[in-house]
Amino acid sequence: MAYNAKNLSVLAYANGFTLWHYGTTDTPATVDTAGYFDTAADMLRVGDMIIGNVATATSPEAGIFVVRSNSGGVVNVSDLTSLGAVDTD
């Protein structure tokens, strides 16, 4: 799939930093590809964090992407830092 603007929402904003949430059926590798968030370039700033719920239709994962660069309308986010990846019971 591709970026869907309806799935990106602000959770918190303070002092030039925004915490976002984004949910998608796309895999983490797809979401962290440079250019995935280009149509949101006017909203995303370097250092913003995006809590991602990804691969929701297959193998759901949750974690944080960090906006690493946003130049000339090209946005690049970090690889997903997984949250809650271990469940030992």
N, C-alpha and C. Protein backbone atom coordinates (compact mmCIF):
# COMPACT_ATOMS: atom_id res chain seq x y z
N MET A 1 0.83 -1.18 0.00
CA MET A 1 0.00 0.00 0.00
C MET A 1 0.87 1.23 0.00
N ALA A 2 0.25 2.35 0.26
CA ALA A 2 0.96 3.62 0.31
C ALA A 2 0.48 4.41 1.51
N TYR A 3 1.20 5.46 1.82
CA TYR A 3 0.83 6.35 2.92
C TYR A 3 -0.63 6.78 2.78
N ASN A 4 -1.35 6.79 3.89
CA ASN A 4 -2.74 7.21 3.92
C ASN A 4 -2.87 8.33 4.96
N ALA A 5 -3.12 9.54 4.50
CA ALA A 5 -3.17 10.71 5.39
C ALA A 5 -4.21 10.56 6.50
N LYS A 6 -5.29 9.83 6.25
CA LYS A 6 -6.32 9.64 7.27
C LYS A 6 -5.82 8.86 8.48
N ASN A 7 -4.71 8.14 8.31
CA ASN A 7 -4.21 7.29 9.39
C ASN A 7 -3.12 7.94 10.23
N LEU A 8 -2.76 9.19 9.92
CA LEU A 8 -1.75 9.92 10.68
C LEU A 8 -2.45 10.97 11.54
N SER A 9 -2.25 10.89 12.85
CA SER A 9 -2.91 11.85 13.74
C SER A 9 -1.95 12.32 14.82
N VAL A 10 -2.17 13.54 15.29
CA VAL A 10 -1.36 14.13 16.35
C VAL A 10 -1.83 13.61 17.70
N LEU A 11 -0.88 13.15 18.51
CA LEU A 11 -1.18 12.75 19.88
C LEU A 11 -0.83 13.86 20.86
N ALA A 12 0.29 14.55 20.59
CA ALA A 12 0.75 15.62 21.49
C ALA A 12 1.68 16.55 20.72
N TYR A 13 1.66 17.82 21.13
CA TYR A 13 2.53 18.82 20.53
C TYR A 13 3.02 19.75 21.62
N ALA A 14 4.33 20.02 21.63
CA ALA A 14 4.90 20.95 22.61
C ALA A 14 6.29 21.39 22.13
N ASN A 15 6.54 22.68 22.24
CA ASN A 15 7.87 23.23 21.98
C ASN A 15 8.47 22.80 20.64
N GLY A 16 7.68 22.77 19.60
CA GLY A 16 8.17 22.42 18.28
C GLY A 16 8.35 20.93 18.03
N PHE A 17 7.86 20.10 18.94
CA PHE A 17 7.93 18.65 18.80
C PHE A 17 6.51 18.10 18.70
N THR A 18 6.32 17.14 17.83
CA THR A 18 5.01 16.50 17.70
C THR A 18 5.16 14.99 17.84
N LEU A 19 4.27 14.42 18.63
CA LEU A 19 4.15 12.97 18.77
C LEU A 19 2.95 12.55 17.94
N TRP A 20 3.18 11.68 16.99
CA TRP A 20 2.15 11.25 16.06
C TRP A 20 1.76 9.79 16.31
N HIS A 21 0.62 9.40 15.74
CA HIS A 21 0.24 7.99 15.65
C HIS A 21 -0.08 7.71 14.19
N TYR A 22 0.39 6.53 13.73
CA TYR A 22 0.09 6.11 12.36
C TYR A 22 -0.22 4.62 12.37
N GLY A 23 -1.34 4.24 11.81
CA GLY A 23 -1.73 2.84 11.70
C GLY A 23 -1.85 2.44 10.25
N THR A 24 -1.36 1.24 9.92
CA THR A 24 -1.38 0.79 8.53
C THR A 24 -1.24 -0.73 8.43
N THR A 25 -1.67 -1.27 7.33
CA THR A 25 -1.43 -2.68 7.05
C THR A 25 -0.05 -2.88 6.43
N ASP A 26 0.64 -1.79 6.09
CA ASP A 26 1.98 -1.88 5.52
C ASP A 26 2.97 -2.41 6.56
N THR A 27 4.01 -3.08 6.08
CA THR A 27 5.05 -3.61 6.95
C THR A 27 5.95 -2.48 7.43
N PRO A 28 6.70 -2.70 8.53
CA PRO A 28 7.64 -1.68 8.99
C PRO A 28 8.66 -1.30 7.91
N ALA A 29 9.13 -2.28 7.15
CA ALA A 29 10.12 -2.02 6.10
C ALA A 29 9.56 -1.10 5.02
N THR A 30 8.28 -1.20 4.73
CA THR A 30 7.65 -0.31 3.75
C THR A 30 7.53 1.09 4.31
N VAL A 31 7.08 1.20 5.55
CA VAL A 31 6.86 2.51 6.17
C VAL A 31 8.17 3.27 6.35
N ASP A 32 9.26 2.57 6.66
CA ASP A 32 10.51 3.30 6.89
C ASP A 32 11.31 3.56 5.61
N THR A 33 10.73 3.28 4.47
CA THR A 33 11.37 3.60 3.20
C THR A 33 11.35 5.11 2.98
N ALA A 34 12.50 5.67 2.59
CA ALA A 34 12.56 7.10 2.30
C ALA A 34 11.50 7.45 1.27
N GLY A 35 10.74 8.49 1.56
CA GLY A 35 9.71 8.93 0.64
C GLY A 35 8.30 8.50 1.00
N TYR A 36 8.16 7.54 1.91
CA TYR A 36 6.83 7.04 2.26
C TYR A 36 5.93 8.16 2.77
N PHE A 37 6.47 9.05 3.60
CA PHE A 37 5.68 10.13 4.20
C PHE A 37 5.81 11.46 3.45
N ASP A 38 6.26 11.45 2.20
CA ASP A 38 6.50 12.70 1.47
C ASP A 38 5.29 13.62 1.41
N THR A 39 4.11 13.09 1.27
CA THR A 39 2.94 13.97 1.17
C THR A 39 2.60 14.63 2.50
N ALA A 40 3.25 14.20 3.58
CA ALA A 40 3.08 14.83 4.89
C ALA A 40 4.29 15.69 5.26
N ALA A 41 5.16 15.97 4.28
CA ALA A 41 6.41 16.69 4.54
C ALA A 41 6.17 18.06 5.17
N ASP A 42 5.06 18.70 4.85
CA ASP A 42 4.79 20.03 5.41
C ASP A 42 4.40 19.97 6.89
N MET A 43 4.13 18.78 7.42
CA MET A 43 3.74 18.64 8.83
C MET A 43 4.84 18.01 9.70
N LEU A 44 5.63 17.13 9.12
CA LEU A 44 6.61 16.38 9.88
C LEU A 44 7.93 17.13 9.99
N ARG A 45 8.48 17.17 11.20
CA ARG A 45 9.77 17.83 11.44
C ARG A 45 10.79 16.82 11.93
N VAL A 46 12.05 17.09 11.63
CA VAL A 46 13.13 16.23 12.12
C VAL A 46 13.03 16.14 13.64
N GLY A 47 13.09 14.93 14.15
CA GLY A 47 12.98 14.69 15.59
C GLY A 47 11.59 14.31 16.04
N ASP A 48 10.57 14.58 15.23
CA ASP A 48 9.22 14.12 15.58
C ASP A 48 9.23 12.60 15.70
N MET A 49 8.37 12.08 16.55
CA MET A 49 8.23 10.63 16.71
C MET A 49 6.84 10.20 16.25
N ILE A 50 6.83 9.03 15.63
CA ILE A 50 5.58 8.47 15.14
C ILE A 50 5.40 7.10 15.79
N ILE A 51 4.39 6.97 16.62
CA ILE A 51 4.05 5.66 17.16
C ILE A 51 3.32 4.92 16.05
N GLY A 52 3.86 3.80 15.67
CA GLY A 52 3.30 3.06 14.55
C GLY A 52 2.66 1.76 14.98
N ASN A 53 1.47 1.52 14.48
CA ASN A 53 0.83 0.21 14.54
C ASN A 53 0.84 -0.27 13.09
N VAL A 54 1.74 -1.20 12.79
CA VAL A 54 1.98 -1.59 11.40
C VAL A 54 1.68 -3.06 11.18
N ALA A 55 1.57 -3.42 9.91
CA ALA A 55 1.27 -4.80 9.50
C ALA A 55 0.03 -5.32 10.22
N THR A 56 -0.96 -4.46 10.38
CA THR A 56 -2.14 -4.79 11.19
C THR A 56 -2.99 -5.91 10.62
N ALA A 57 -2.86 -6.20 9.33
CA ALA A 57 -3.67 -7.25 8.73
C ALA A 57 -3.01 -8.62 8.77
N THR A 58 -1.71 -8.67 9.10
CA THR A 58 -0.98 -9.95 9.04
C THR A 58 -0.29 -10.29 10.35
N SER A 59 0.80 -9.62 10.63
CA SER A 59 1.58 -9.85 11.86
C SER A 59 1.77 -8.52 12.56
N PRO A 60 0.78 -8.06 13.30
CA PRO A 60 0.83 -6.71 13.88
C PRO A 60 2.09 -6.46 14.71
N GLU A 61 2.64 -5.28 14.51
CA GLU A 61 3.78 -4.81 15.28
C GLU A 61 3.49 -3.39 15.74
N ALA A 62 4.13 -3.00 16.83
CA ALA A 62 4.00 -1.63 17.32
C ALA A 62 5.39 -1.13 17.69
N GLY A 63 5.59 0.15 17.50
CA GLY A 63 6.88 0.73 17.83
C GLY A 63 6.94 2.20 17.48
N ILE A 64 8.15 2.72 17.46
CA ILE A 64 8.35 4.14 17.21
C ILE A 64 9.26 4.34 16.01
N PHE A 65 8.83 5.22 15.12
CA PHE A 65 9.66 5.73 14.03
C PHE A 65 10.06 7.15 14.42
N VAL A 66 11.27 7.56 14.09
CA VAL A 66 11.72 8.93 14.33
C VAL A 66 11.99 9.57 12.98
N VAL A 67 11.51 10.80 12.79
CA VAL A 67 11.77 11.52 11.55
C VAL A 67 13.25 11.91 11.56
N ARG A 68 14.01 11.31 10.66
CA ARG A 68 15.46 11.53 10.60
C ARG A 68 15.81 12.69 9.68
N SER A 69 15.06 12.87 8.60
CA SER A 69 15.33 13.98 7.69
C SER A 69 14.06 14.37 6.96
N ASN A 70 14.02 15.63 6.56
CA ASN A 70 12.91 16.16 5.77
C ASN A 70 13.49 17.32 4.98
N SER A 71 13.88 17.03 3.76
CA SER A 71 14.54 18.03 2.93
C SER A 71 13.99 17.96 1.51
N GLY A 72 13.60 19.10 0.99
CA GLY A 72 13.08 19.15 -0.36
C GLY A 72 11.83 18.32 -0.55
N GLY A 73 11.08 18.16 0.53
CA GLY A 73 9.83 17.39 0.45
C GLY A 73 10.02 15.89 0.55
N VAL A 74 11.26 15.44 0.78
CA VAL A 74 11.53 14.00 0.94
C VAL A 74 11.74 13.72 2.43
N VAL A 75 10.86 12.89 2.97
CA VAL A 75 10.90 12.54 4.39
C VAL A 75 11.49 11.14 4.55
N ASN A 76 12.38 11.01 5.52
CA ASN A 76 12.95 9.70 5.85
C ASN A 76 12.81 9.48 7.35
N VAL A 77 12.28 8.32 7.72
CA VAL A 77 12.14 7.97 9.13
C VAL A 77 13.05 6.80 9.45
N SER A 78 13.37 6.66 10.73
CA SER A 78 14.22 5.55 11.18
C SER A 78 13.48 4.24 11.04
N ASP A 79 14.24 3.16 11.15
CA ASP A 79 13.63 1.84 11.25
C ASP A 79 12.76 1.80 12.51
N LEU A 80 11.78 0.94 12.52
CA LEU A 80 10.89 0.80 13.67
C LEU A 80 11.66 0.30 14.87
N THR A 81 11.54 1.03 16.01
CA THR A 81 12.03 0.54 17.28
C THR A 81 10.84 -0.14 17.94
N SER A 82 10.89 -1.46 18.01
CA SER A 82 9.74 -2.24 18.48
C SER A 82 9.45 -2.03 19.95
N LEU A 83 8.18 -2.06 20.28
CA LEU A 83 7.70 -2.01 21.66
C LEU A 83 6.90 -3.27 21.92
N GLY A 84 7.09 -3.87 23.07
CA GLY A 84 6.31 -5.04 23.43
C GLY A 84 6.54 -6.24 22.53
N ALA A 85 7.77 -6.39 22.03
CA ALA A 85 8.05 -7.46 21.08
C ALA A 85 8.19 -8.83 21.74
N VAL A 86 8.41 -8.87 23.04
CA VAL A 86 8.62 -10.14 23.73
C VAL A 86 7.40 -10.47 24.60
N ASP A 87 6.93 -11.69 24.47
CA ASP A 87 5.83 -12.18 25.30
C ASP A 87 6.18 -13.61 25.69
N THR A 88 6.62 -13.79 26.91
CA THR A 88 7.16 -15.10 27.31
C THR A 88 6.12 -16.05 27.90
N ASP A 89 4.85 -15.66 27.98
CA ASP A 89 3.89 -16.59 28.57
C ASP A 89 3.13 -17.38 27.53
